[in-house]
Amino acid sequence: MDSYEFSIQAAREAGALLMRLREEEFETLAKGGNPRDVVTSVDVAVNEFIIKEIKKAFPEDAIYSEESGGNMLGEPRLWAIDPIDGSSNFSRGIPHFSICIALLVAGEPEVGAVYNPVTNELFSFKRYGGAFLNGKPIHVSKETDLKDSFVLLHAGRKPELQVWGGHAYTQLLIHAKKTSNLAGSALDMCFVAAGRVEANIYGTASLLDIAAAVGILREAGGVIVNEKGESSGLLGTPQRMIAANSTLMADQIRTLL
């Protein structure tokens, strides 16, 4: 099985496991004692399943997991996974979360999948080969004006982001057509890729955790930039960024915020 087909199959199988486990009683914990940073026992089980499948299919490859951390970007072939992106939503029964699996080759997303097992929507990509939703090609929207755009805002949990987040939300309420927060970093980036929204703003996020969504957005024609307008790399450390349908849209948002 090639890497692309593996990412899709592993995401679907992990999704089936997740759906079974969510019907049972599961434990919800706070990472590092922070009640706003949630992890569940289902995250752990799904994480272990995906890692086991990768080791079985690609025993020589390195693995980075959002739940285990580590800086492994120097590895020639690196699988980056997040067993449940949107754990807070999952823990509260909100059906907006996903399983993220991506293969990075020389530090760049090569193939991957983002799967919501509740809606059965599976976003995927092949580098230089396109982005897809359940096998059908997707592309970012062609909207160019912020006033006619739907923008998602993830201000972040950190206290130092509260003032900036309030300012950002106020400006978007004034200047964008619609502003919301769906609280699923990877899925929300995929929504930009699919043309459902024009941009997704992150007060702080680690792109390595959602490398699959990064690959999907790029292949769909979108961009990811930092607050200076520079292309955002796949850092394992949190950074402020904008995922948008175009550089033009990202620049309008940067000017505003």
Protein backbone atom coordinates (compact mmCIF):
# COMPACT_ATOMS: atom_id res chain seq x y z
CA MET A 1 0.00 0.00 0.00
CA ASP A 2 1.35 3.43 -0.88
CA SER A 3 1.57 6.25 1.64
CA TYR A 4 -1.49 8.13 0.35
CA GLU A 5 -3.80 5.14 0.47
CA PHE A 6 -2.40 4.22 3.87
CA SER A 7 -3.19 7.66 5.31
CA ILE A 8 -6.80 7.37 4.14
CA GLN A 9 -7.28 3.82 5.39
CA ALA A 10 -5.62 4.53 8.73
CA ALA A 11 -7.76 7.64 9.25
CA ARG A 12 -10.97 5.74 8.51
CA GLU A 13 -10.02 2.81 10.77
CA ALA A 14 -9.01 5.20 13.55
CA GLY A 15 -12.35 6.95 13.07
CA ALA A 16 -14.23 3.69 13.48
CA LEU A 17 -12.33 3.02 16.71
CA LEU A 18 -13.09 6.54 17.96
CA MET A 19 -16.80 6.14 17.26
CA ARG A 20 -16.90 2.88 19.21
CA LEU A 21 -15.02 4.32 22.17
CA ARG A 22 -17.11 7.47 22.41
CA GLU A 23 -20.15 5.31 23.17
CA GLU A 24 -18.36 4.04 26.26
CA GLU A 25 -17.49 5.98 29.38
CA PHE A 26 -14.23 7.81 28.79
CA GLU A 27 -11.99 10.00 30.93
CA THR A 28 -11.34 13.70 30.27
CA LEU A 29 -8.16 15.24 31.66
CA ALA A 30 -6.46 18.64 31.63
CA LYS A 31 -3.04 18.74 29.99
CA GLY A 32 -0.40 20.13 32.31
CA GLY A 33 -3.11 21.11 34.78
CA ASN A 34 -4.63 23.58 32.29
CA PRO A 35 -8.43 23.02 32.25
CA ARG A 36 -8.66 24.75 28.86
CA ASP A 37 -6.30 22.21 27.27
CA VAL A 38 -8.24 18.95 27.15
CA VAL A 39 -7.19 15.38 26.39
CA THR A 40 -9.34 12.27 26.73
CA SER A 41 -8.64 8.57 27.14
CA VAL A 42 -9.98 8.20 23.59
CA ASP A 43 -7.17 10.47 22.31
CA VAL A 44 -4.68 8.10 23.91
CA ALA A 45 -6.29 4.95 22.49
CA VAL A 46 -6.59 6.35 18.97
CA ASN A 47 -3.03 7.68 19.15
CA GLU A 48 -1.70 4.23 20.08
CA PHE A 49 -3.69 2.61 17.27
CA ILE A 50 -2.36 4.95 14.57
CA ILE A 51 1.23 4.62 15.77
CA LYS A 52 0.92 0.83 15.74
CA GLU A 53 -0.41 0.86 12.17
CA ILE A 54 2.38 3.17 10.96
CA LYS A 55 5.08 1.04 12.57
CA LYS A 56 3.58 -2.06 10.97
CA ALA A 57 3.38 -0.56 7.45
CA PHE A 58 6.47 1.73 7.52
CA PRO A 59 8.82 0.45 10.24
CA GLU A 60 11.71 2.70 9.16
CA ASP A 61 9.75 5.97 9.33
CA ALA A 62 9.78 8.39 12.27
CA ILE A 63 6.54 9.39 14.03
CA TYR A 64 5.55 12.68 15.66
CA SER A 65 2.33 12.82 17.66
CA GLU A 66 0.56 15.84 19.11
CA GLU A 67 0.14 13.78 22.27
CA SER A 68 3.80 12.80 22.61
CA GLY A 69 5.60 15.88 21.24
CA GLY A 70 9.29 16.03 20.34
CA ASN A 71 11.16 17.88 17.61
CA MET A 72 11.72 15.50 14.70
CA LEU A 73 11.54 17.77 11.65
CA GLY A 74 15.01 16.72 10.57
CA GLU A 75 13.81 13.19 9.81
CA PRO A 76 13.72 12.34 6.07
CA ARG A 77 10.30 10.66 6.42
CA LEU A 78 8.12 11.73 9.33
CA TRP A 79 4.50 10.86 10.07
CA ALA A 80 2.77 13.71 11.93
CA ILE A 81 -0.45 12.73 13.66
CA ASP A 82 -3.09 14.21 15.92
CA PRO A 83 -5.50 11.50 17.12
CA ILE A 84 -8.28 14.00 17.87
CA ASP A 85 -7.86 17.59 16.76
CA GLY A 86 -10.65 19.35 18.61
CA SER A 87 -10.59 17.27 21.79
CA SER A 88 -12.65 19.86 23.69
CA ASN A 89 -15.43 19.58 21.11
CA PHE A 90 -15.20 15.78 21.23
CA SER A 91 -15.36 15.71 25.04
CA ARG A 92 -18.57 17.78 25.01
CA GLY A 93 -20.30 15.82 22.24
CA ILE A 94 -19.89 18.56 19.64
CA PRO A 95 -19.42 16.79 16.28
CA HIS A 96 -16.65 19.03 14.95
CA PHE A 97 -13.32 17.26 15.44
CA SER A 98 -11.00 15.20 13.28
CA ILE A 99 -8.23 12.65 13.01
CA CYS A 100 -5.11 14.03 11.28
CA ILE A 101 -2.47 11.89 9.62
CA ALA A 102 0.27 13.20 7.32
CA LEU A 103 3.58 12.04 5.92
CA LEU A 104 6.31 14.68 5.69
CA VAL A 105 9.21 14.10 3.31
CA ALA A 106 12.25 16.32 3.92
CA GLY A 107 10.07 18.49 6.17
CA GLU A 108 7.26 19.08 3.66
CA PRO A 109 3.75 17.53 3.69
CA GLU A 110 3.69 14.78 1.06
CA VAL A 111 0.36 13.01 1.58
CA GLY A 112 -2.27 12.98 4.29
CA ALA A 113 -5.85 12.89 5.49
CA VAL A 114 -8.14 14.78 7.87
CA TYR A 115 -11.23 12.76 8.81
CA ASN A 116 -14.39 13.65 10.71
CA PRO A 117 -15.96 10.26 11.50
CA VAL A 118 -19.27 11.83 12.56
CA THR A 119 -19.97 13.53 9.21
CA ASN A 120 -17.93 10.95 7.26
CA GLU A 121 -16.05 13.75 5.51
CA LEU A 122 -12.51 12.78 4.63
CA PHE A 123 -10.23 15.50 3.26
CA SER A 124 -6.98 14.32 1.68
CA PHE A 125 -4.09 15.49 -0.47
CA LYS A 126 -1.15 14.40 -2.58
CA ARG A 127 1.72 16.86 -2.98
CA TYR A 128 1.52 18.23 -6.53
CA GLY A 129 -1.48 15.96 -7.04
CA GLY A 130 -4.41 17.93 -5.62
CA ALA A 131 -6.74 18.10 -2.62
CA PHE A 132 -9.90 16.06 -2.25
CA LEU A 133 -13.06 15.64 -0.20
CA ASN A 134 -14.24 12.03 -0.23
CA GLY A 135 -12.27 11.54 -3.44
CA LYS A 136 -13.58 14.59 -5.31
CA PRO A 137 -11.27 17.55 -6.07
CA ILE A 138 -11.68 20.70 -3.97
CA HIS A 139 -10.44 24.26 -4.36
CA VAL A 140 -10.47 27.46 -2.34
CA SER A 141 -13.14 30.07 -3.02
CA LYS A 142 -12.53 32.90 -5.48
CA GLU A 143 -13.85 35.64 -3.18
CA THR A 144 -11.45 38.58 -3.02
CA ASP A 145 -13.20 41.09 -0.75
CA LEU A 146 -13.17 40.70 3.03
CA LYS A 147 -16.57 42.38 3.38
CA ASP A 148 -18.11 39.47 1.47
CA SER A 149 -16.14 36.78 3.26
CA PHE A 150 -16.75 34.22 6.00
CA VAL A 151 -13.81 34.22 8.44
CA LEU A 152 -13.10 31.89 11.38
CA LEU A 153 -11.16 33.19 14.40
CA HIS A 154 -9.23 31.03 16.88
CA ALA A 155 -7.94 33.65 19.32
CA GLY A 156 -6.27 31.05 21.54
CA ARG A 157 -6.40 30.12 25.21
CA LYS A 158 -3.42 32.06 26.56
CA PRO A 159 -4.16 35.10 28.79
CA GLU A 160 -1.77 37.29 26.79
CA LEU A 161 -3.95 36.77 23.69
CA GLN A 162 -7.17 38.01 25.28
CA VAL A 163 -6.79 41.70 24.38
CA TRP A 164 -5.63 40.89 20.85
CA GLY A 165 -8.46 38.36 20.45
CA GLY A 166 -11.09 40.89 21.53
CA HIS A 167 -9.70 43.48 19.12
CA ALA A 168 -9.54 40.94 16.28
CA TYR A 169 -13.13 39.81 16.82
CA THR A 170 -14.39 43.41 16.90
CA GLN A 171 -12.60 44.27 13.66
CA LEU A 172 -13.92 41.17 11.92
CA LEU A 173 -17.47 41.89 13.11
CA ILE A 174 -17.15 45.29 11.43
CA HIS A 175 -15.33 44.34 8.25
CA ALA A 176 -16.17 40.70 7.40
CA LYS A 177 -19.50 39.31 6.26
CA LYS A 178 -19.52 36.55 8.89
CA THR A 179 -17.25 35.68 11.82
CA SER A 180 -17.30 32.52 13.91
CA ASN A 181 -15.15 30.02 15.84
CA LEU A 182 -15.78 26.32 15.23
CA ALA A 183 -12.88 25.21 17.49
CA GLY A 184 -11.45 22.58 15.17
CA SER A 185 -8.10 23.81 13.82
CA ALA A 186 -7.57 21.15 11.15
CA LEU A 187 -11.17 20.90 9.94
CA ASP A 188 -11.45 24.69 9.83
CA MET A 189 -8.37 24.87 7.61
CA CYS A 190 -9.94 22.20 5.40
CA PHE A 191 -13.07 24.37 5.20
CA VAL A 192 -10.90 27.11 3.68
CA ALA A 193 -9.52 24.54 1.24
CA ALA A 194 -13.03 23.46 0.25
CA GLY A 195 -14.25 27.04 -0.32
CA ARG A 196 -16.67 26.97 2.60
CA VAL A 197 -14.93 29.89 4.32
CA GLU A 198 -12.37 32.38 3.03
CA ALA A 199 -9.97 32.46 5.97
CA ASN A 200 -9.09 30.99 9.33
CA ILE A 201 -7.09 33.06 11.85
CA TYR A 202 -5.04 31.39 14.60
CA GLY A 203 -3.84 33.41 17.59
CA THR A 204 -1.49 30.53 18.29
CA ALA A 205 -1.21 27.06 16.78
CA SER A 206 1.37 24.43 15.90
CA LEU A 207 1.22 23.64 12.19
CA LEU A 208 3.09 20.38 12.69
CA ASP A 209 0.12 19.02 14.65
CA ILE A 210 -2.17 19.64 11.68
CA ALA A 211 0.32 19.03 8.87
CA ALA A 212 -2.31 17.12 6.90
CA ALA A 213 -4.57 20.17 6.81
CA VAL A 214 -1.63 22.32 5.71
CA GLY A 215 -1.01 20.03 2.76
CA ILE A 216 -4.70 20.02 1.87
CA LEU A 217 -4.96 23.81 1.89
CA ARG A 218 -1.83 24.30 -0.19
CA GLU A 219 -2.96 21.78 -2.80
CA ALA A 220 -6.38 23.46 -2.93
CA GLY A 221 -4.73 26.78 -3.84
CA GLY A 222 -4.67 28.45 -0.43
CA VAL A 223 -1.91 30.12 1.56
CA ILE A 224 -0.72 30.13 5.17
CA VAL A 225 1.18 33.21 6.36
CA ASN A 226 2.46 34.57 9.65
CA GLU A 227 1.69 38.04 11.02
CA LYS A 228 4.43 39.51 8.82
CA GLY A 229 2.91 38.02 5.69
CA GLU A 230 5.65 35.43 5.31
CA SER A 231 4.84 31.83 4.41
CA SER A 232 4.48 29.83 7.62
CA GLY A 233 6.73 26.80 8.01
CA LEU A 234 5.82 23.56 9.75
CA LEU A 235 7.13 24.50 13.17
CA GLY A 236 6.40 22.35 16.19
CA THR A 237 6.05 25.49 18.30
CA PRO A 238 2.90 27.65 18.42
CA GLN A 239 2.75 30.69 16.15
CA ARG A 240 0.20 33.26 14.98
CA MET A 241 -0.95 32.69 11.43
CA ILE A 242 -3.64 33.18 8.82
CA ALA A 243 -4.87 30.42 6.50
CA ALA A 244 -6.64 32.04 3.55
CA ASN A 245 -7.90 31.44 0.05
CA SER A 246 -5.33 33.91 -1.34
CA THR A 247 -2.50 36.25 -0.44
CA LEU A 248 -4.85 39.13 -1.20
CA MET A 249 -7.32 37.95 1.45
CA ALA A 250 -4.56 37.29 3.98
CA ASP A 251 -3.14 40.79 3.44
CA GLN A 252 -6.55 42.41 4.04
CA ILE A 253 -6.83 40.56 7.34
CA ARG A 254 -3.26 41.35 8.39
CA THR A 255 -3.83 45.06 7.71
CA LEU A 256 -6.97 44.97 9.81
CA LEU A 257 -5.50 43.13 12.80
